[in-house]
């Protein structure tokens, strides 16, 4: 019985260390320009999984947003969206209720780095609904000078999903998903 208890304690400790390691910050020695280069490189690698999806740069999306010609669709989990979202963004679930409602605007999906949104855009294209993917996602957006918002207004917090994507600009706080939020 003691061996079983000891093994369970060891497993619990390893599990706990795995949870705690999620809060390790990225290399703070990188400049925002270097972070931007890392983010775009990661995105370029990821887009191999959705090669036919059209994309839009954060700068171009900001211009279209200023003209009221764009709708952002956030493909992240509600817990991520609660931390911060792009201006006026709607959830994927809201969009899917009636995609035709947004037919007069350019639909732009995003997530942390725009991998999940790229997959979503690919799936929508297969159904005849054109959605652009935000190149580099939320990270590229803030690295290019875009603002993000939570329920209280503008925020300097950004959910980076995990340490692999922890490249927010100087002055932003990284927020990680907990183990259960990320995996379940």
Protein backbone atom coordinates (compact mmCIF):
# COMPACT_ATOMS: atom_id res chain seq x y z
CA UNK A 1 0.00 0.00 0.00
CA UNK A 2 2.84 2.43 0.78
CA UNK A 3 4.39 1.83 -2.65
CA UNK A 4 1.10 2.68 -4.34
CA UNK A 5 0.74 5.82 -2.21
CA UNK A 6 4.33 6.85 -2.97
CA UNK A 7 3.79 6.33 -6.69
CA UNK A 8 0.61 8.42 -6.57
CA UNK A 9 2.46 11.25 -4.80
CA UNK A 10 5.24 11.11 -7.41
CA UNK A 11 2.70 11.26 -10.26
CA UNK A 12 0.93 14.19 -8.57
CA UNK A 13 4.24 16.05 -8.16
CA UNK A 14 5.15 15.55 -11.83
CA UNK A 15 1.68 16.70 -12.83
CA UNK A 16 1.99 19.79 -10.59
CA UNK A 17 5.40 20.69 -12.04
CA UNK A 18 3.83 20.45 -15.50
CA UNK A 19 1.14 22.90 -14.45
CA UNK A 20 3.56 25.35 -12.88
CA UNK A 21 5.90 25.29 -15.86
CA UNK A 22 3.15 26.88 -17.95
CA UNK A 23 3.93 30.20 -16.23
CA UNK A 24 7.53 30.45 -17.43
CA UNK A 25 7.97 33.67 -19.42
CA UNK A 26 9.57 33.83 -22.85
CA UNK A 27 13.00 35.26 -23.53
CA UNK A 28 12.62 38.88 -22.42
CA UNK A 29 15.87 39.79 -24.17
CA UNK A 30 14.18 39.76 -27.58
CA UNK A 31 13.14 43.09 -29.07
CA UNK A 32 9.61 43.56 -30.34
CA UNK A 33 10.98 43.41 -33.90
CA UNK A 34 12.64 40.05 -33.17
CA UNK A 35 9.41 38.77 -31.57
CA UNK A 36 7.50 39.85 -34.68
CA UNK A 37 9.94 37.91 -36.87
CA UNK A 38 9.51 34.80 -34.68
CA UNK A 39 5.70 35.09 -34.78
CA UNK A 40 5.55 35.48 -38.57
CA UNK A 41 7.99 32.58 -39.05
CA UNK A 42 5.83 30.33 -36.85
CA UNK A 43 2.72 31.38 -38.75
CA UNK A 44 4.40 30.74 -42.11
CA UNK A 45 5.29 27.23 -40.92
CA UNK A 46 1.75 26.59 -39.67
CA UNK A 47 0.01 27.75 -42.83
CA UNK A 48 1.19 24.62 -44.60
CA UNK A 49 -1.87 23.01 -43.00
CA UNK A 50 -4.22 25.47 -44.75
CA UNK A 51 -2.44 26.47 -47.99
CA UNK A 52 -5.53 27.62 -49.89
CA UNK A 53 -6.76 29.99 -47.20
CA UNK A 54 -6.49 33.69 -48.00
CA UNK A 55 -4.79 35.83 -45.40
CA UNK A 56 -4.71 39.48 -44.46
CA UNK A 57 -1.94 41.35 -42.67
CA UNK A 58 -2.65 43.05 -39.36
CA UNK A 59 -1.82 46.47 -40.88
CA UNK A 60 -4.30 46.00 -43.74
CA UNK A 61 -6.93 44.65 -41.34
CA UNK A 62 -6.46 47.74 -39.14
CA UNK A 63 -7.13 50.00 -42.14
CA UNK A 64 -10.25 48.05 -43.12
CA UNK A 65 -11.43 48.07 -39.49
CA UNK A 66 -11.16 51.86 -39.43
CA UNK A 67 -13.46 51.95 -42.48
CA UNK A 68 -15.97 49.56 -40.88
CA UNK A 69 -15.43 46.94 -43.60
CA UNK A 70 -14.32 44.01 -41.46
CA UNK A 71 -15.68 41.53 -38.92
CA UNK A 72 -13.23 39.63 -36.74
CA UNK A 73 -14.13 36.08 -35.71
CA UNK A 74 -12.27 34.84 -32.63
CA UNK A 75 -11.75 31.07 -32.84
CA UNK A 76 -10.25 30.71 -29.36
CA UNK A 77 -11.85 29.27 -26.24
CA UNK A 78 -14.09 31.52 -24.10
CA UNK A 79 -11.45 31.59 -21.34
CA UNK A 80 -8.93 33.01 -23.83
CA UNK A 81 -11.42 35.53 -25.19
CA UNK A 82 -12.14 36.74 -21.64
CA UNK A 83 -8.53 37.93 -21.35
CA UNK A 84 -8.59 40.04 -24.52
CA UNK A 85 -10.04 40.22 -28.02
CA UNK A 86 -9.66 42.31 -31.13
CA UNK A 87 -11.95 45.35 -31.39
CA UNK A 88 -15.55 44.38 -32.11
CA UNK A 89 -14.70 40.69 -32.52
CA UNK A 90 -17.38 38.03 -32.30
CA UNK A 91 -16.97 34.43 -31.25
CA UNK A 92 -16.85 31.57 -33.71
CA UNK A 93 -20.12 30.30 -32.23
CA UNK A 94 -21.79 33.67 -32.83
CA UNK A 95 -20.58 33.73 -36.43
CA UNK A 96 -21.81 30.19 -37.09
CA UNK A 97 -25.35 31.08 -35.98
CA UNK A 98 -25.82 33.04 -39.21
CA UNK A 99 -22.73 33.50 -41.43
CA UNK A 100 -24.85 35.28 -44.11
CA UNK A 101 -25.47 38.12 -41.65
CA UNK A 102 -21.90 39.31 -42.28
CA UNK A 103 -21.94 38.98 -46.07
CA UNK A 104 -21.28 42.67 -46.73
CA UNK A 105 -18.01 42.65 -44.76
CA UNK A 106 -14.66 40.92 -45.01
CA UNK A 107 -14.67 38.10 -42.47
CA UNK A 108 -11.28 37.68 -40.73
CA UNK A 109 -10.69 34.82 -38.33
CA UNK A 110 -7.93 34.81 -35.75
CA UNK A 111 -6.55 33.06 -32.69
CA UNK A 112 -3.27 33.41 -30.80
CA UNK A 113 -1.06 32.86 -33.86
CA UNK A 114 -3.80 32.02 -36.40
CA UNK A 115 -3.34 28.28 -36.62
CA UNK A 116 -6.77 27.33 -35.24
CA UNK A 117 -8.35 30.14 -37.24
CA UNK A 118 -6.57 28.92 -40.40
CA UNK A 119 -8.11 25.48 -39.91
CA UNK A 120 -11.52 27.12 -39.32
CA UNK A 121 -11.14 29.24 -42.48
CA UNK A 122 -10.21 26.12 -44.47
CA UNK A 123 -13.28 24.27 -43.16
CA UNK A 124 -15.53 27.24 -43.98
CA UNK A 125 -14.06 27.46 -47.51
CA UNK A 126 -15.03 23.81 -48.00
CA UNK A 127 -18.61 24.93 -47.25
CA UNK A 128 -18.43 27.86 -49.65
CA UNK A 129 -17.86 30.58 -47.03
CA UNK A 130 -14.79 32.71 -47.64
CA UNK A 131 -12.93 33.74 -44.52
CA UNK A 132 -9.55 35.41 -44.39
CA UNK A 133 -7.01 34.42 -41.78
CA UNK A 134 -5.23 37.14 -39.80
CA UNK A 135 -1.53 36.62 -40.58
CA UNK A 136 0.26 35.95 -37.29
CA UNK A 137 -2.92 36.21 -35.24
CA UNK A 138 -3.43 38.17 -32.06
CA UNK A 139 0.31 38.21 -31.40
CA UNK A 140 1.11 39.85 -34.72
CA UNK A 141 -1.78 42.27 -34.22
CA UNK A 142 -0.37 43.66 -30.96
CA UNK A 143 3.22 43.51 -32.23
CA UNK A 144 2.08 45.69 -35.17
CA UNK A 145 0.55 48.23 -32.78
CA UNK A 146 -3.05 47.02 -32.68
CA UNK A 147 -5.08 47.27 -29.49
CA UNK A 148 -6.94 44.53 -27.64
CA UNK A 149 -9.90 44.76 -25.29
CA UNK A 150 -11.53 42.91 -22.42
CA UNK A 151 -14.92 43.51 -20.77
CA UNK A 152 -13.58 46.66 -19.06
CA UNK A 153 -11.98 48.25 -22.14
CA UNK A 154 -8.46 48.38 -23.55
CA UNK A 155 -6.07 45.97 -21.89
CA UNK A 156 -2.39 45.08 -21.98
CA UNK A 157 -3.06 41.42 -21.23
CA UNK A 158 -2.90 38.75 -23.90
CA UNK A 159 -3.56 35.05 -23.71
CA UNK A 160 -0.58 33.41 -25.38
CA UNK A 161 -1.96 29.85 -24.99
CA UNK A 162 1.40 28.42 -23.85
CA UNK A 163 5.06 29.22 -23.48
CA UNK A 164 5.82 28.26 -27.08
CA UNK A 165 3.86 31.34 -28.19
CA UNK A 166 4.90 33.75 -25.44
CA UNK A 167 5.92 36.68 -27.66
CA UNK A 168 3.80 39.67 -26.66
CA UNK A 169 5.21 43.17 -27.12
CA UNK A 170 6.98 45.06 -24.40
CA UNK A 171 4.50 46.23 -21.78
CA UNK A 172 2.04 43.37 -22.24
CA UNK A 173 1.31 40.69 -19.66
CA UNK A 174 1.19 37.08 -20.86
CA UNK A 175 -1.67 34.92 -19.63
CA UNK A 176 -1.54 31.14 -20.00
CA UNK A 177 -4.31 28.61 -20.15
CA UNK A 178 -4.35 26.17 -17.28
CA UNK A 179 -3.75 22.50 -18.00
CA UNK A 180 -7.46 21.60 -17.99
CA UNK A 181 -8.47 24.65 -20.06
CA UNK A 182 -5.90 23.76 -22.70
CA UNK A 183 -6.55 20.04 -22.92
CA UNK A 184 -10.25 19.63 -22.16
